[in-house]
Protein backbone atom coordinates (compact mmCIF):
# COMPACT_ATOMS: atom_id res chain seq x y z
CA MET A 1 0.00 0.00 0.00
CA PRO A 2 1.32 3.46 -0.87
CA THR A 3 2.42 5.74 1.94
CA LEU A 4 1.46 9.38 2.25
CA GLN A 5 5.05 10.51 1.65
CA GLU A 6 5.29 8.43 -1.54
CA THR A 7 2.47 10.55 -3.00
CA LEU A 8 4.34 13.85 -2.53
CA ILE A 9 4.88 15.69 -5.83
CA GLU A 10 6.65 19.03 -6.13
CA ASN A 11 7.13 21.13 -9.26
CA ARG A 12 8.02 24.64 -10.34
CA GLU A 13 6.67 26.98 -13.01
CA MET A 14 8.42 30.19 -14.05
CA VAL A 15 5.82 32.97 -14.10
CA GLN A 16 6.09 34.62 -17.51
CA PRO A 17 4.23 37.70 -18.83
CA ASN A 18 1.76 35.44 -20.69
CA HIS A 19 0.74 33.94 -17.29
CA ALA A 20 0.06 37.36 -15.80
CA ASN A 21 -2.65 39.97 -15.51
CA ASN A 22 -2.26 43.74 -15.97
CA LEU A 23 -0.76 43.96 -12.45
CA GLU A 24 2.09 41.68 -13.56
CA THR A 25 1.03 38.90 -11.19
CA ALA A 26 0.05 35.35 -12.10
CA HIS A 27 -3.61 34.93 -13.06
CA GLY A 28 -5.42 32.90 -10.41
CA GLY A 29 -6.60 30.56 -13.17
CA ASN A 30 -3.02 29.73 -14.11
CA VAL A 31 -2.11 29.04 -10.49
CA MET A 32 -5.18 26.81 -10.18
CA LEU A 33 -4.22 24.96 -13.39
CA TRP A 34 -0.71 24.27 -12.07
CA MET A 35 -2.16 23.09 -8.75
CA ASP A 36 -4.64 20.82 -10.54
CA GLU A 37 -1.91 19.23 -12.67
CA ILE A 38 0.41 18.54 -9.72
CA GLY A 39 -2.50 17.33 -7.59
CA ALA A 40 -3.55 14.90 -10.30
CA MET A 41 0.02 13.58 -10.48
CA ALA A 42 0.00 12.92 -6.72
CA ALA A 43 -3.37 11.13 -7.00
CA MET A 44 -2.12 9.04 -9.95
CA ARG A 45 1.11 8.16 -8.17
CA PHE A 46 -1.01 6.99 -5.24
CA SER A 47 -3.69 5.05 -7.11
CA GLY A 48 -1.74 3.73 -10.08
CA GLU A 49 -4.68 4.86 -12.21
CA THR A 50 -5.64 7.85 -14.33
CA CYS A 51 -7.29 10.43 -12.06
CA VAL A 52 -9.65 13.27 -12.88
CA THR A 53 -10.66 16.27 -10.80
CA ALA A 54 -13.95 15.75 -8.98
CA GLY A 55 -13.98 18.76 -6.70
CA VAL A 56 -12.08 21.73 -5.39
CA ASP A 57 -12.57 22.97 -1.87
CA GLN A 58 -12.12 26.61 -1.06
CA MET A 59 -9.18 28.23 -2.90
CA ASP A 60 -7.28 30.60 -0.64
CA PHE A 61 -5.30 33.17 -2.62
CA ARG A 62 -3.26 34.92 0.06
CA ARG A 63 -0.47 36.60 -1.89
CA PRO A 64 0.36 37.22 -5.54
CA ILE A 65 3.13 35.56 -7.50
CA LEU A 66 4.99 38.15 -9.54
CA VAL A 67 6.24 37.86 -13.11
CA GLY A 68 9.81 36.59 -12.82
CA ASP A 69 9.10 34.63 -9.65
CA VAL A 70 8.76 30.89 -9.64
CA ALA A 71 5.53 29.19 -8.59
CA PHE A 72 6.54 26.23 -6.42
CA ILE A 73 3.67 23.72 -6.11
CA SER A 74 3.51 20.91 -3.54
CA ALA A 75 0.80 18.21 -3.38
CA TYR A 76 0.17 14.97 -1.50
CA VAL A 77 -2.69 12.53 -0.88
CA TYR A 78 -3.82 12.56 2.74
CA GLU A 79 -7.23 10.86 2.70
CA THR A 80 -9.04 8.37 0.50
CA GLY A 81 -12.48 7.00 -0.20
CA ARG A 82 -13.49 3.99 -2.28
CA THR A 83 -12.53 5.62 -5.62
CA THR A 84 -11.36 9.06 -4.47
CA SER A 85 -8.22 10.72 -3.19
CA LYS A 86 -8.12 14.00 -1.30
CA VAL A 87 -4.99 15.97 -2.13
CA ARG A 88 -3.63 18.92 -0.17
CA ILE A 89 -2.06 21.39 -2.58
CA ARG A 90 -0.06 24.49 -1.77
CA ALA A 91 1.58 27.08 -4.00
CA TYR A 92 4.46 29.30 -3.00
CA ARG A 93 6.21 32.17 -4.70
CA GLU A 94 9.91 31.46 -4.84
CA ASP A 95 12.80 33.75 -5.63
CA LEU A 96 15.43 31.48 -7.19
CA ARG A 97 18.21 34.00 -6.49
CA THR A 98 17.63 34.04 -2.72
CA GLY A 99 15.71 30.82 -2.12
CA GLU A 100 13.04 32.85 -0.33
CA ARG A 101 9.68 31.10 -0.40
CA GLU A 102 6.29 32.45 0.68
CA LYS A 103 2.95 30.56 0.65
CA THR A 104 0.52 32.17 -1.78
CA THR A 105 -2.31 29.73 -2.41
CA GLU A 106 -3.80 26.68 -0.72
CA SER A 107 -6.61 24.21 -1.36
CA VAL A 108 -7.82 20.62 -1.21
CA PHE A 109 -8.73 18.92 -4.48
CA THR A 110 -10.61 15.64 -4.75
CA PHE A 111 -9.68 13.28 -7.59
CA VAL A 112 -11.48 10.17 -8.83
CA ALA A 113 -9.50 7.23 -10.17
CA ILE A 114 -10.87 5.92 -13.46
CA ASP A 115 -10.23 2.76 -15.47
CA GLU A 116 -9.66 2.36 -19.21
CA ASN A 117 -13.43 2.71 -19.76
CA ARG A 118 -13.43 6.02 -17.87
CA LYS A 119 -15.43 4.49 -15.03
CA PRO A 120 -14.55 5.05 -11.36
CA THR A 121 -12.24 2.36 -10.02
CA PRO A 122 -11.17 1.58 -6.44
CA VAL A 123 -8.02 3.09 -4.96
CA PRO A 124 -5.72 1.36 -2.45
CA GLU A 125 -5.64 2.16 1.24
CA LEU A 126 -3.32 4.99 2.25
CA THR A 127 -0.79 4.30 4.98
CA ILE A 128 1.17 6.69 7.17
CA GLU A 129 4.47 5.17 8.29
CA SER A 130 6.60 8.05 9.51
CA GLU A 131 6.57 11.08 11.77
CA GLU A 132 6.85 13.32 8.70
CA GLY A 133 3.87 11.58 7.10
CA GLU A 134 1.86 12.02 10.30
CA ARG A 135 2.83 15.72 10.43
CA LEU A 136 1.67 16.26 6.83
CA TYR A 137 -1.56 14.35 7.53
CA GLN A 138 -2.31 16.47 10.63
CA GLU A 139 -1.54 19.70 8.72
CA ALA A 140 -4.01 18.71 6.01
CA LEU A 141 -6.73 17.91 8.55
CA GLU A 142 -6.15 21.24 10.33
CA TYR A 143 -6.37 23.16 7.05
CA GLU A 144 -9.54 21.28 6.10
CA SER A 145 -11.19 21.98 9.46
CA ASP A 146 -10.25 25.68 9.23
CA THR A 147 -12.02 26.04 5.86
CA VAL A 148 -15.35 24.55 7.00
């Protein structure tokens, strides 16, 4: 059975002018797209199946990501249902020159695993085997309870 930490996916996107609005900050839709893609990868790594987005909980846009900054996206599966995976996803703005990172956006996405006929298919049970995995799990639960 996959562990929580094995589902962790991290990626970066350089914010270019074509990703930005007239304030020279990343469009929220682009940030959401990047979060959706990385979240789906975490869900697929976990389930071993193709996964599609079934729902997005509240999107918290706290700070902008400027043109020239890097959007650093982190996602991991923390809870599962019969065919679903809940994925905690966070975006940060990162300055590659200094390494400074600041959380900008946060959400929980739900993905459904589908088979070759595009029908929902069961996912395995998630296990938590380390202190770091338990910490990530508790952080996700705290975020989820704060958004209710």
